[in-house]
Amino acid sequence: MTNKPPAKFDTLAFAALLGSGICFGAIFVLSKQASYPSSGGLEATQITLFRFLIATLSVPFLFKISRERFVGIRVGELLMRGLCGFLAAYLAAKSVTDPKHQLEVGVAAVLNSTAVIFAPAFAWLILSEPLTRRSWIAIFLAILGIVILEERHIFVPQTLQVPWSELWALVSGVLAGVVVVLIRDMRSGPNPEKPETIVLYYSIVATLGSALLCVIAGKAAWHWPTLTGWLVLLLLGLASFGAQWLMSFGLRLQDTLIGILVLNLQSVVAAVIGSMLFGETYTATVIAGSLIVMSVAIWLTSSGWAVRTKQS
């Protein structure tokens, strides 16, 4: 079977990925807002539960899904994408809602977007796409950016403790790298999965996973949203659906790293809105580290290098 490589640039796919990046940035902001007392002080488990429940309910109303599309073709990959996506979303939400250390939404988005580091490696493992010397240099530079970004925890003696919020956001980036490659694979080939099928499986798996975590947490950890909270959750669910569908559509027509480059817009969106709504500020080292991480993607793409599906 031969997987046809995507075109170098597609305007419609670029616009879809651009919209997806904006939606992803809004997800970080809305998740943090949902944890505030004005929204009901929701936990990360509740936020992800309502987010994906709303997203799941949105799919049938927005698309006429046939039985074949609902069932899907690559069920195993669809379920794996759903599980990895759920864990990535939950950890990202936890990083900005943890009452002990709420991470700035801009920093959380940058660490989550480090999928650019891991996507080429997973593309090599899963899709047999080439992993060049340039990608190794990019990985090194991105790790350097993360070290600089995390300078406040690494080089300041009084803060020598496990930065759990940053760790959760970073692990969400690793899982996001797996997700990007799985979507890229499922949307390629002669029988590609439809975007709505991918989103539907993801939303259902994430809803069930979140519900399970809520049951484990127990009634004591449950908080009902306020009226403002319901509005925030509605916007969060719609942003989640839009981000996933637009990403699934865009990655069908663009190379993995070109898609990651555009999706990195989430960091800028989250940082700008976070500064306006939450009064978040960023140190020089955080800004420098974030710019290095995002610049790696720009360098990879502008140099003309992008991972391609190996023809076999």
C-alpha atoms as a PDB file:
ATOM      1  CA  MET A   1       0.000   0.000   0.000  1.00  0.00           C
ATOM      2  CA  THR A   2       1.287   3.470  -0.895  1.00  0.00           C
ATOM      3  CA  ASN A   3       0.605   6.569   1.196  1.00  0.00           C
ATOM      4  CA  LYS A   4       0.620   9.655  -1.006  1.00  0.00           C
ATOM      5  CA  PRO A   5       2.630  12.496   0.518  1.00  0.00           C
ATOM      6  CA  PRO A   6       0.657  15.681   1.157  1.00  0.00           C
ATOM      7  CA  ALA A   7       1.272  18.843  -0.827  1.00  0.00           C
ATOM      8  CA  LYS A   8       3.876  21.294   0.449  1.00  0.00           C
ATOM      9  CA  PHE A   9       1.273  23.974   1.055  1.00  0.00           C
ATOM     10  CA  ASP A  10      -2.494  24.035   0.884  1.00  0.00           C
ATOM     11  CA  THR A  11      -4.376  27.261   1.640  1.00  0.00           C
ATOM     12  CA  LEU A  12      -7.521  25.577   2.938  1.00  0.00           C
ATOM     13  CA  ALA A  13      -5.555  23.212   5.177  1.00  0.00           C
ATOM     14  CA  PHE A  14      -3.449  26.120   6.446  1.00  0.00           C
ATOM     15  CA  ALA A  15      -6.610  28.084   7.329  1.00  0.00           C
ATOM     16  CA  ALA A  16      -8.036  25.036   9.131  1.00  0.00           C
ATOM     17  CA  LEU A  17      -4.849  24.568  11.152  1.00  0.00           C
ATOM     18  CA  LEU A  18      -4.772  28.291  11.922  1.00  0.00           C
ATOM     19  CA  GLY A  19      -8.302  28.117  13.319  1.00  0.00           C
ATOM     20  CA  SER A  20      -7.357  24.990  15.231  1.00  0.00           C
ATOM     21  CA  GLY A  21      -4.396  26.757  16.841  1.00  0.00           C
ATOM     22  CA  ILE A  22      -6.629  29.623  17.993  1.00  0.00           C
ATOM     23  CA  CYS A  23      -9.149  27.164  19.449  1.00  0.00           C
ATOM     24  CA  PHE A  24      -6.412  25.245  21.273  1.00  0.00           C
ATOM     25  CA  GLY A  25      -5.140  28.491  22.820  1.00  0.00           C
ATOM     26  CA  ALA A  26      -8.672  29.332  23.958  1.00  0.00           C
ATOM     27  CA  ILE A  27      -8.991  25.880  25.573  1.00  0.00           C
ATOM     28  CA  PHE A  28      -6.158  26.643  28.023  1.00  0.00           C
ATOM     29  CA  VAL A  29      -7.725  29.971  28.957  1.00  0.00           C
ATOM     30  CA  LEU A  30     -11.247  28.566  29.350  1.00  0.00           C
ATOM     31  CA  SER A  31      -9.978  25.615  31.417  1.00  0.00           C
ATOM     32  CA  LYS A  32      -8.303  27.956  33.875  1.00  0.00           C
ATOM     33  CA  GLN A  33     -11.369  30.191  34.016  1.00  0.00           C
ATOM     34  CA  ALA A  34     -13.514  27.143  34.851  1.00  0.00           C
ATOM     35  CA  SER A  35     -11.370  26.495  37.944  1.00  0.00           C
ATOM     36  CA  TYR A  36     -12.061  29.962  39.362  1.00  0.00           C
ATOM     37  CA  PRO A  37     -14.696  30.413  42.119  1.00  0.00           C
ATOM     38  CA  SER A  38     -16.825  32.554  39.775  1.00  0.00           C
ATOM     39  CA  SER A  39     -17.240  29.470  37.571  1.00  0.00           C
ATOM     40  CA  GLY A  40     -17.737  27.028  40.439  1.00  0.00           C
ATOM     41  CA  GLY A  41     -14.122  26.101  41.201  1.00  0.00           C
ATOM     42  CA  LEU A  42     -14.174  22.985  39.024  1.00  0.00           C
ATOM     43  CA  GLU A  43     -11.484  20.302  39.187  1.00  0.00           C
ATOM     44  CA  ALA A  44      -9.541  19.186  36.097  1.00  0.00           C
ATOM     45  CA  THR A  45     -11.541  15.934  35.978  1.00  0.00           C
ATOM     46  CA  GLN A  46     -14.841  17.832  35.865  1.00  0.00           C
ATOM     47  CA  ILE A  47     -13.547  20.310  33.302  1.00  0.00           C
ATOM     48  CA  THR A  48     -12.483  17.541  30.926  1.00  0.00           C
ATOM     49  CA  LEU A  49     -15.745  15.645  31.554  1.00  0.00           C
ATOM     50  CA  PHE A  50     -17.992  18.578  30.622  1.00  0.00           C
ATOM     51  CA  ARG A  51     -15.659  19.636  27.808  1.00  0.00           C
ATOM     52  CA  PHE A  52     -15.801  16.308  26.014  1.00  0.00           C
ATOM     53  CA  LEU A  53     -19.418  15.571  26.849  1.00  0.00           C
ATOM     54  CA  ILE A  54     -20.420  18.810  25.107  1.00  0.00           C
ATOM     55  CA  ALA A  55     -18.062  18.037  22.237  1.00  0.00           C
ATOM     56  CA  THR A  56     -19.549  14.542  21.876  1.00  0.00           C
ATOM     57  CA  LEU A  57     -23.099  15.896  21.785  1.00  0.00           C
ATOM     58  CA  SER A  58     -22.067  18.489  19.191  1.00  0.00           C
ATOM     59  CA  VAL A  59     -20.911  15.967  16.590  1.00  0.00           C
ATOM     60  CA  PRO A  60     -24.300  14.471  15.551  1.00  0.00           C
ATOM     61  CA  PHE A  61     -25.862  17.921  15.188  1.00  0.00           C
ATOM     62  CA  LEU A  62     -23.064  19.299  13.023  1.00  0.00           C
ATOM     63  CA  PHE A  63     -22.502  16.278  10.782  1.00  0.00           C
ATOM     64  CA  LYS A  64     -24.603  13.607   9.141  1.00  0.00           C
ATOM     65  CA  ILE A  65     -22.555  10.633  10.206  1.00  0.00           C
ATOM     66  CA  SER A  66     -23.266   7.422   8.359  1.00  0.00           C
ATOM     67  CA  ARG A  67     -22.918   4.037  10.052  1.00  0.00           C
ATOM     68  CA  GLU A  68     -19.633   3.430   8.248  1.00  0.00           C
ATOM     69  CA  ARG A  69     -18.208   6.728   9.438  1.00  0.00           C
ATOM     70  CA  PHE A  70     -19.392   6.112  12.989  1.00  0.00           C
ATOM     71  CA  VAL A  71     -17.912   2.635  13.194  1.00  0.00           C
ATOM     72  CA  GLY A  72     -14.679   3.750  11.575  1.00  0.00           C
ATOM     73  CA  ILE A  73     -12.149   1.756   9.596  1.00  0.00           C
ATOM     74  CA  ARG A  74      -9.141   1.631  11.937  1.00  0.00           C
ATOM     75  CA  VAL A  75     -10.870   1.151  15.275  1.00  0.00           C
ATOM     76  CA  GLY A  76      -7.672   0.274  17.136  1.00  0.00           C
ATOM     77  CA  GLU A  77      -5.948   3.471  16.037  1.00  0.00           C
ATOM     78  CA  LEU A  78      -9.080   5.499  16.747  1.00  0.00           C
ATOM     79  CA  LEU A  79      -9.220   4.181  20.311  1.00  0.00           C
ATOM     80  CA  MET A  80      -5.496   4.742  20.829  1.00  0.00           C
ATOM     81  CA  ARG A  81      -5.821   8.283  19.510  1.00  0.00           C
ATOM     82  CA  GLY A  82      -8.751   8.794  21.885  1.00  0.00           C
ATOM     83  CA  LEU A  83      -6.836   7.517  24.913  1.00  0.00           C
ATOM     84  CA  CYS A  84      -3.667   9.520  24.193  1.00  0.00           C
ATOM     85  CA  GLY A  85      -5.721  12.612  23.424  1.00  0.00           C
ATOM     86  CA  PHE A  86      -7.739  12.265  26.624  1.00  0.00           C
ATOM     87  CA  LEU A  87      -4.639  11.926  28.809  1.00  0.00           C
ATOM     88  CA  ALA A  88      -2.996  14.883  27.044  1.00  0.00           C
ATOM     89  CA  ALA A  89      -6.105  17.040  27.548  1.00  0.00           C
ATOM     90  CA  TYR A  90      -6.512  16.035  31.195  1.00  0.00           C
ATOM     91  CA  LEU A  91      -2.875  16.726  32.078  1.00  0.00           C
ATOM     92  CA  ALA A  92      -2.944  20.052  30.227  1.00  0.00           C
ATOM     93  CA  ALA A  93      -6.070  21.088  32.163  1.00  0.00           C
ATOM     94  CA  LYS A  94      -4.545  19.929  35.447  1.00  0.00           C
ATOM     95  CA  SER A  95      -1.427  22.014  34.838  1.00  0.00           C
ATOM     96  CA  VAL A  96      -3.442  25.269  34.759  1.00  0.00           C
ATOM     97  CA  THR A  97      -6.029  24.378  37.418  1.00  0.00           C
ATOM     98  CA  ASP A  98      -3.933  22.848  40.215  1.00  0.00           C
ATOM     99  CA  PRO A  99      -4.751  24.980  43.309  1.00  0.00           C
ATOM    100  CA  LYS A 100      -1.225  24.499  44.701  1.00  0.00           C
ATOM    101  CA  HIS A 101       0.515  25.831  41.602  1.00  0.00           C
ATOM    102  CA  GLN A 102      -1.558  27.115  38.705  1.00  0.00           C
ATOM    103  CA  LEU A 103       0.762  27.314  35.736  1.00  0.00           C
ATOM    104  CA  GLU A 104       0.500  30.357  33.482  1.00  0.00           C
ATOM    105  CA  VAL A 105      -1.634  29.431  30.469  1.00  0.00           C
ATOM    106  CA  GLY A 106       1.037  30.699  28.074  1.00  0.00           C
ATOM    107  CA  VAL A 107       3.718  28.477  29.626  1.00  0.00           C
ATOM    108  CA  ALA A 108       1.368  25.486  29.700  1.00  0.00           C
ATOM    109  CA  ALA A 109       0.586  26.004  26.007  1.00  0.00           C
ATOM    110  CA  VAL A 110       4.286  26.205  25.111  1.00  0.00           C
ATOM    111  CA  LEU A 111       5.116  23.005  27.003  1.00  0.00           C
ATOM    112  CA  ASN A 112       2.127  21.289  25.435  1.00  0.00           C
ATOM    113  CA  SER A 113       3.246  22.420  21.979  1.00  0.00           C
ATOM    114  CA  THR A 114       6.562  20.598  22.407  1.00  0.00           C
ATOM    115  CA  ALA A 115       4.830  17.930  20.359  1.00  0.00           C
ATOM    116  CA  VAL A 116       7.163  19.294  17.665  1.00  0.00           C
ATOM    117  CA  ILE A 117       9.983  17.564  19.544  1.00  0.00           C
ATOM    118  CA  PHE A 118       8.290  14.214  19.725  1.00  0.00           C
ATOM    119  CA  ALA A 119       6.202  14.047  16.546  1.00  0.00           C
ATOM    120  CA  PRO A 120       9.189  13.303  14.232  1.00  0.00           C
ATOM    121  CA  ALA A 121      10.390  10.511  16.514  1.00  0.00           C
ATOM    122  CA  PHE A 122       6.921   8.962  16.708  1.00  0.00           C
ATOM    123  CA  ALA A 123       6.456   9.449  12.958  1.00  0.00           C
ATOM    124  CA  TRP A 124       9.678   7.469  12.490  1.00  0.00           C
ATOM    125  CA  LEU A 125       8.466   4.703  14.843  1.00  0.00           C
ATOM    126  CA  ILE A 126       4.866   4.523  13.635  1.00  0.00           C
ATOM    127  CA  LEU A 127       4.955   5.662   9.993  1.00  0.00           C
ATOM    128  CA  SER A 128       8.586   4.873   9.098  1.00  0.00           C
ATOM    129  CA  GLU A 129       9.072   8.526   8.117  1.00  0.00           C
ATOM    130  CA  PRO A 130      12.731   9.573   7.910  1.00  0.00           C
ATOM    131  CA  LEU A 131      14.394  11.069  10.984  1.00  0.00           C
ATOM    132  CA  THR A 132      17.238  13.284   9.766  1.00  0.00           C
ATOM    133  CA  ARG A 133      20.158  14.983  11.440  1.00  0.00           C
ATOM    134  CA  ARG A 134      18.238  18.238  11.272  1.00  0.00           C
ATOM    135  CA  SER A 135      15.501  16.757  13.446  1.00  0.00           C
ATOM    136  CA  TRP A 136      18.060  15.720  16.076  1.00  0.00           C
ATOM    137  CA  ILE A 137      19.410  19.270  16.135  1.00  0.00           C
ATOM    138  CA  ALA A 138      15.860  20.552  16.528  1.00  0.00           C
ATOM    139  CA  ILE A 139      15.234  18.191  19.439  1.00  0.00           C
ATOM    140  CA  PHE A 140      18.399  19.403  21.174  1.00  0.00           C
ATOM    141  CA  LEU A 141      17.494  23.064  20.674  1.00  0.00           C
ATOM    142  CA  ALA A 142      13.946  22.515  21.900  1.00  0.00           C
ATOM    143  CA  ILE A 143      15.195  20.771  25.044  1.00  0.00           C
ATOM    144  CA  LEU A 144      17.554  23.708  25.587  1.00  0.00           C
ATOM    145  CA  GLY A 145      14.559  26.027  25.311  1.00  0.00           C
ATOM    146  CA  ILE A 146      12.669  24.007  27.919  1.00  0.00           C
ATOM    147  CA  VAL A 147      15.642  24.171  30.306  1.00  0.00           C
ATOM    148  CA  ILE A 148      15.798  27.951  29.949  1.00  0.00           C
ATOM    149  CA  LEU A 149      12.033  28.223  30.343  1.00  0.00           C
ATOM    150  CA  GLU A 150      12.221  26.145  33.536  1.00  0.00           C
ATOM    151  CA  GLU A 151      15.195  28.106  34.923  1.00  0.00           C
ATOM    152  CA  ARG A 152      13.119  29.164  37.934  1.00  0.00           C
ATOM    153  CA  HIS A 153      12.931  25.537  39.080  1.00  0.00           C
ATOM    154  CA  ILE A 154      16.286  24.221  37.893  1.00  0.00           C
ATOM    155  CA  PHE A 155      18.753  26.935  38.867  1.00  0.00           C
ATOM    156  CA  VAL A 156      17.140  28.562  41.925  1.00  0.00           C
ATOM    157  CA  PRO A 157      18.072  26.530  45.069  1.00  0.00           C
ATOM    158  CA  GLN A 158      15.018  27.467  47.166  1.00  0.00           C
ATOM    159  CA  THR A 159      12.682  26.090  44.533  1.00  0.00           C
ATOM    160  CA  LEU A 160      14.309  22.671  44.220  1.00  0.00           C
ATOM    161  CA  GLN A 161      11.119  20.635  44.082  1.00  0.00           C
ATOM    162  CA  VAL A 162       9.265  18.651  41.479  1.00  0.00           C
ATOM    163  CA  PRO A 163       7.436  21.206  39.277  1.00  0.00           C
ATOM    164  CA  TRP A 164       4.372  19.023  38.869  1.00  0.00           C
ATOM    165  CA  SER A 165       2.336  21.499  36.846  1.00  0.00           C
ATOM    166  CA  GLU A 166       5.150  21.948  34.325  1.00  0.00           C
ATOM    167  CA  LEU A 167       5.700  18.190  34.219  1.00  0.00           C
ATOM    168  CA  TRP A 168       2.030  17.539  33.481  1.00  0.00           C
ATOM    169  CA  ALA A 169       2.059  20.106  30.680  1.00  0.00           C
ATOM    170  CA  LEU A 170       5.232  18.600  29.205  1.00  0.00           C
ATOM    171  CA  VAL A 171       3.871  15.040  29.292  1.00  0.00           C
ATOM    172  CA  SER A 172       0.742  16.333  27.575  1.00  0.00           C
ATOM    173  CA  GLY A 173       3.071  17.552  24.819  1.00  0.00           C
ATOM    174  CA  VAL A 174       4.605  14.082  24.470  1.00  0.00           C
ATOM    175  CA  LEU A 175       1.158  12.539  24.139  1.00  0.00           C
ATOM    176  CA  ALA A 176       0.122  15.286  21.714  1.00  0.00           C
ATOM    177  CA  GLY A 177       3.062  14.255  19.516  1.00  0.00           C
ATOM    178  CA  VAL A 178       1.676  10.708  19.385  1.00  0.00           C
ATOM    179  CA  VAL A 179      -1.787  12.086  18.582  1.00  0.00           C
ATOM    180  CA  VAL A 180      -0.540  14.172  15.661  1.00  0.00           C
ATOM    181  CA  VAL A 181       1.169  11.166  14.088  1.00  0.00           C
ATOM    182  CA  LEU A 182      -1.837   8.890  14.600  1.00  0.00           C
ATOM    183  CA  ILE A 183      -4.145  11.444  12.984  1.00  0.00           C
ATOM    184  CA  ARG A 184      -1.665  11.942  10.154  1.00  0.00           C
ATOM    185  CA  ASP A 185      -1.651   8.186   9.564  1.00  0.00           C
ATOM    186  CA  MET A 186      -5.423   7.715   9.782  1.00  0.00           C
ATOM    187  CA  ARG A 187      -6.051  10.627   7.415  1.00  0.00           C
ATOM    188  CA  SER A 188      -3.605   9.263   4.809  1.00  0.00           C
ATOM    189  CA  GLY A 189      -3.837   6.394   2.379  1.00  0.00           C
ATOM    190  CA  PRO A 190      -6.611   5.180   0.060  1.00  0.00           C
ATOM    191  CA  ASN A 191      -9.193   4.763   2.873  1.00  0.00           C
ATOM    192  CA  PRO A 192      -8.699   7.723   5.217  1.00  0.00           C
ATOM    193  CA  GLU A 193     -10.815   8.175   8.311  1.00  0.00           C
ATOM    194  CA  LYS A 194     -13.214  11.096   8.230  1.00  0.00           C
ATOM    195  CA  PRO A 195     -12.417  14.025  10.578  1.00  0.00           C
ATOM    196  CA  GLU A 196     -15.771  13.667  12.330  1.00  0.00           C
ATOM    197  CA  THR A 197     -15.098   9.980  13.027  1.00  0.00           C
ATOM    198  CA  ILE A 198     -11.746  10.795  14.620  1.00  0.00           C
ATOM    199  CA  VAL A 199     -13.283  13.587  16.708  1.00  0.00           C
ATOM    200  CA  LEU A 200     -16.247  11.445  17.751  1.00  0.00           C
ATOM    201  CA  TYR A 201     -14.103   8.543  18.972  1.00  0.00           C
ATOM    202  CA  TYR A 202     -11.804  10.972  20.762  1.00  0.00           C
ATOM    203  CA  SER A 203     -14.703  12.746  22.475  1.00  0.00           C
ATOM    204  CA  ILE A 204     -16.387   9.501  23.571  1.00  0.00           C
ATOM    205  CA  VAL A 205     -13.174   7.965  24.950  1.00  0.00           C
ATOM    206  CA  ALA A 206     -12.293  11.217  26.728  1.00  0.00           C
ATOM    207  CA  THR A 207     -15.811  11.526  28.191  1.00  0.00           C
ATOM    208  CA  LEU A 208     -15.711   7.977  29.552  1.00  0.00           C
ATOM    209  CA  GLY A 209     -12.175   8.459  30.885  1.00  0.00           C
ATOM    210  CA  SER A 210     -13.104  11.720  32.617  1.00  0.00           C
ATOM    211  CA  ALA A 211     -16.237  10.153  34.115  1.00  0.00           C
ATOM    212  CA  LEU A 212     -14.128   7.320  35.520  1.00  0.00           C
ATOM    213  CA  LEU A 213     -11.717   9.786  37.135  1.00  0.00           C
ATOM    214  CA  CYS A 214     -14.653  11.715  38.631  1.00  0.00           C
ATOM    215  CA  VAL A 215     -16.019   8.489  40.162  1.00  0.00           C
ATOM    216  CA  ILE A 216     -12.600   7.663  41.590  1.00  0.00           C
ATOM    217  CA  ALA A 217     -12.286  11.188  43.063  1.00  0.00           C
ATOM    218  CA  GLY A 218     -15.648  10.800  44.830  1.00  0.00           C
ATOM    219  CA  LYS A 219     -18.476  13.171  45.734  1.00  0.00           C
ATOM    220  CA  ALA A 220     -16.276  15.314  47.994  1.00  0.00           C
ATOM    221  CA  ALA A 221     -14.316  16.536  44.968  1.00  0.00           C
ATOM    222  CA  TRP A 222     -17.412  17.357  42.904  1.00  0.00           C
ATOM    223  CA  HIS A 223     -18.456  20.970  42.338  1.00  0.00           C
ATOM    224  CA  TRP A 224     -21.416  22.140  40.277  1.00  0.00           C
ATOM    225  CA  PRO A 225     -20.746  24.978  37.826  1.00  0.00           C
ATOM    226  CA  THR A 226     -22.278  28.403  38.329  1.00  0.00           C
ATOM    227  CA  LEU A 227     -24.190  30.126  35.540  1.00  0.00           C
ATOM    228  CA  THR A 228     -20.908  31.670  34.384  1.00  0.00           C
ATOM    229  CA  GLY A 229     -19.293  28.260  34.687  1.00  0.00           C
ATOM    230  CA  TRP A 230     -21.866  26.676  32.373  1.00  0.00           C
ATOM    231  CA  LEU A 231     -21.200  29.353  29.764  1.00  0.00           C
ATOM    232  CA  VAL A 232     -17.432  28.783  30.070  1.00  0.00           C
ATOM    233  CA  LEU A 233     -17.911  25.013  29.736  1.00  0.00           C
ATOM    234  CA  LEU A 234     -20.135  25.450  26.679  1.00  0.00           C
ATOM    235  CA  LEU A 235     -17.488  27.589  24.982  1.00  0.00           C
ATOM    236  CA  LEU A 236     -14.834  25.083  26.069  1.00  0.00           C
ATOM    237  CA  GLY A 237     -16.732  22.174  24.525  1.00  0.00           C
ATOM    238  CA  LEU A 238     -17.295  24.023  21.259  1.00  0.00           C
ATOM    239  CA  ALA A 239     -13.642  25.148  21.135  1.00  0.00           C
ATOM    240  CA  SER A 240     -12.555  21.556  21.763  1.00  0.00           C
ATOM    241  CA  PHE A 241     -14.722  20.226  18.960  1.00  0.00           C
ATOM    242  CA  GLY A 242     -13.581  22.970  16.569  1.00  0.00           C
ATOM    243  CA  ALA A 243      -9.899  22.492  17.405  1.00  0.00           C
ATOM    244  CA  GLN A 244      -9.989  18.741  16.878  1.00  0.00           C
ATOM    245  CA  TRP A 245     -12.045  18.765  13.684  1.00  0.00           C
ATOM    246  CA  LEU A 246     -10.000  21.550  12.091  1.00  0.00           C
ATOM    247  CA  MET A 247      -6.744  19.814  13.055  1.00  0.00           C
ATOM    248  CA  SER A 248      -7.960  16.472  11.694  1.00  0.00           C
ATOM    249  CA  PHE A 249      -8.953  18.158   8.426  1.00  0.00           C
ATOM    250  CA  GLY A 250      -5.779  20.227   8.082  1.00  0.00           C
ATOM    251  CA  LEU A 251      -3.327  17.419   8.784  1.00  0.00           C
ATOM    252  CA  ARG A 252      -4.813  15.435   5.895  1.00  0.00           C
ATOM    253  CA  LEU A 253      -3.339  17.962   3.457  1.00  0.00           C
ATOM    254  CA  GLN A 254      -0.206  19.192   5.218  1.00  0.00           C
ATOM    255  CA  ASP A 255       3.046  17.671   6.434  1.00  0.00           C
ATOM    256  CA  THR A 256       3.276  16.840  10.123  1.00  0.00           C
ATOM    257  CA  LEU A 257       5.671  19.617  11.075  1.00  0.00           C
ATOM    258  CA  ILE A 258       3.981  22.283   8.950  1.00  0.00           C
ATOM    259  CA  GLY A 259       0.854  21.442  10.902  1.00  0.00           C
ATOM    260  CA  ILE A 260       2.721  21.658  14.195  1.00  0.00           C
ATOM    261  CA  LEU A 261       4.141  25.045  13.200  1.00  0.00           C
ATOM    262  CA  VAL A 262       0.696  26.547  12.687  1.00  0.00           C
ATOM    263  CA  LEU A 263      -0.713  24.850  15.794  1.00  0.00           C
ATOM    264  CA  ASN A 264       2.022  26.557  17.841  1.00  0.00           C
ATOM    265  CA  LEU A 265      -0.112  29.663  17.528  1.00  0.00           C
ATOM    266  CA  GLN A 266      -1.932  28.309  20.595  1.00  0.00           C
ATOM    267  CA  SER A 267       0.965  29.521  22.758  1.00  0.00           C
ATOM    268  CA  VAL A 268       0.670  33.115  21.550  1.00  0.00           C
ATOM    269  CA  VAL A 269      -3.123  33.131  21.857  1.00  0.00           C
ATOM    270  CA  ALA A 270      -3.017  31.664  25.371  1.00  0.00           C
ATOM    271  CA  ALA A 271      -0.288  34.050  26.549  1.00  0.00           C
ATOM    272  CA  VAL A 272      -2.026  37.181  25.227  1.00  0.00           C
ATOM    273  CA  ILE A 273      -5.477  36.286  26.571  1.00  0.00           C
ATOM    274  CA  GLY A 274      -3.986  35.019  29.836  1.00  0.00           C
ATOM    275  CA  SER A 275      -2.240  38.347  30.368  1.00  0.00           C
ATOM    276  CA  MET A 276      -5.454  40.269  29.768  1.00  0.00           C
ATOM    277  CA  LEU A 277      -7.822  38.080  31.819  1.00  0.00           C
ATOM    278  CA  PHE A 278      -5.635  36.742  34.610  1.00  0.00           C
ATOM    279  CA  GLY A 279      -2.917  39.396  34.794  1.00  0.00           C
ATOM    280  CA  GLU A 280      -0.242  36.794  34.110  1.00  0.00           C
ATOM    281  CA  THR A 281       3.309  38.060  33.617  1.00  0.00           C
ATOM    282  CA  TYR A 282       6.307  36.280  32.142  1.00  0.00           C
ATOM    283  CA  THR A 283       9.976  36.584  33.082  1.00  0.00           C
ATOM    284  CA  ALA A 284      12.705  37.143  30.524  1.00  0.00           C
ATOM    285  CA  THR A 285      13.873  33.524  30.776  1.00  0.00           C
ATOM    286  CA  VAL A 286      10.338  32.178  30.302  1.00  0.00           C
ATOM    287  CA  ILE A 287       9.910  34.336  27.205  1.00  0.00           C
ATOM    288  CA  ALA A 288      13.356  33.380  25.881  1.00  0.00           C
ATOM    289  CA  GLY A 289      12.775  29.661  26.422  1.00  0.00           C
ATOM    290  CA  SER A 290       9.332  29.843  24.823  1.00  0.00           C
ATOM    291  CA  LEU A 291      10.712  31.671  21.779  1.00  0.00           C
ATOM    292  CA  ILE A 292      13.410  29.031  21.340  1.00  0.00           C
ATOM    293  CA  VAL A 293      10.870  26.196  21.437  1.00  0.00           C
ATOM    294  CA  MET A 294       8.602  27.912  18.904  1.00  0.00           C
ATOM    295  CA  SER A 295      11.506  29.052  16.725  1.00  0.00           C
ATOM    296  CA  VAL A 296      12.625  25.447  16.305  1.00  0.00           C
ATOM    297  CA  ALA A 297       9.389  24.714  14.428  1.00  0.00           C
ATOM    298  CA  ILE A 298       9.817  27.827  12.292  1.00  0.00           C
ATOM    299  CA  TRP A 299      13.404  26.870  11.464  1.00  0.00           C
ATOM    300  CA  LEU A 300      12.419  23.325  10.516  1.00  0.00           C
ATOM    301  CA  THR A 301       9.652  24.487   8.194  1.00  0.00           C
ATOM    302  CA  SER A 302      11.307  27.539   6.618  1.00  0.00           C
ATOM    303  CA  SER A 303      14.390  25.477   5.792  1.00  0.00           C
ATOM    304  CA  GLY A 304      12.261  23.336   3.527  1.00  0.00           C
ATOM    305  CA  TRP A 305      12.528  20.261   5.725  1.00  0.00           C
ATOM    306  CA  ALA A 306       9.375  18.397   6.750  1.00  0.00           C
ATOM    307  CA  VAL A 307       8.642  14.804   7.615  1.00  0.00           C
ATOM    308  CA  ARG A 308       6.953  12.827   4.877  1.00  0.00           C
ATOM    309  CA  THR A 309       5.124   9.583   4.832  1.00  0.00           C
ATOM    310  CA  LYS A 310       7.406   6.932   3.462  1.00  0.00           C
ATOM    311  CA  GLN A 311       6.150   5.366   0.243  1.00  0.00           C
ATOM    312  CA  SER A 312       6.180   1.632   0.336  1.00  0.00           C
END
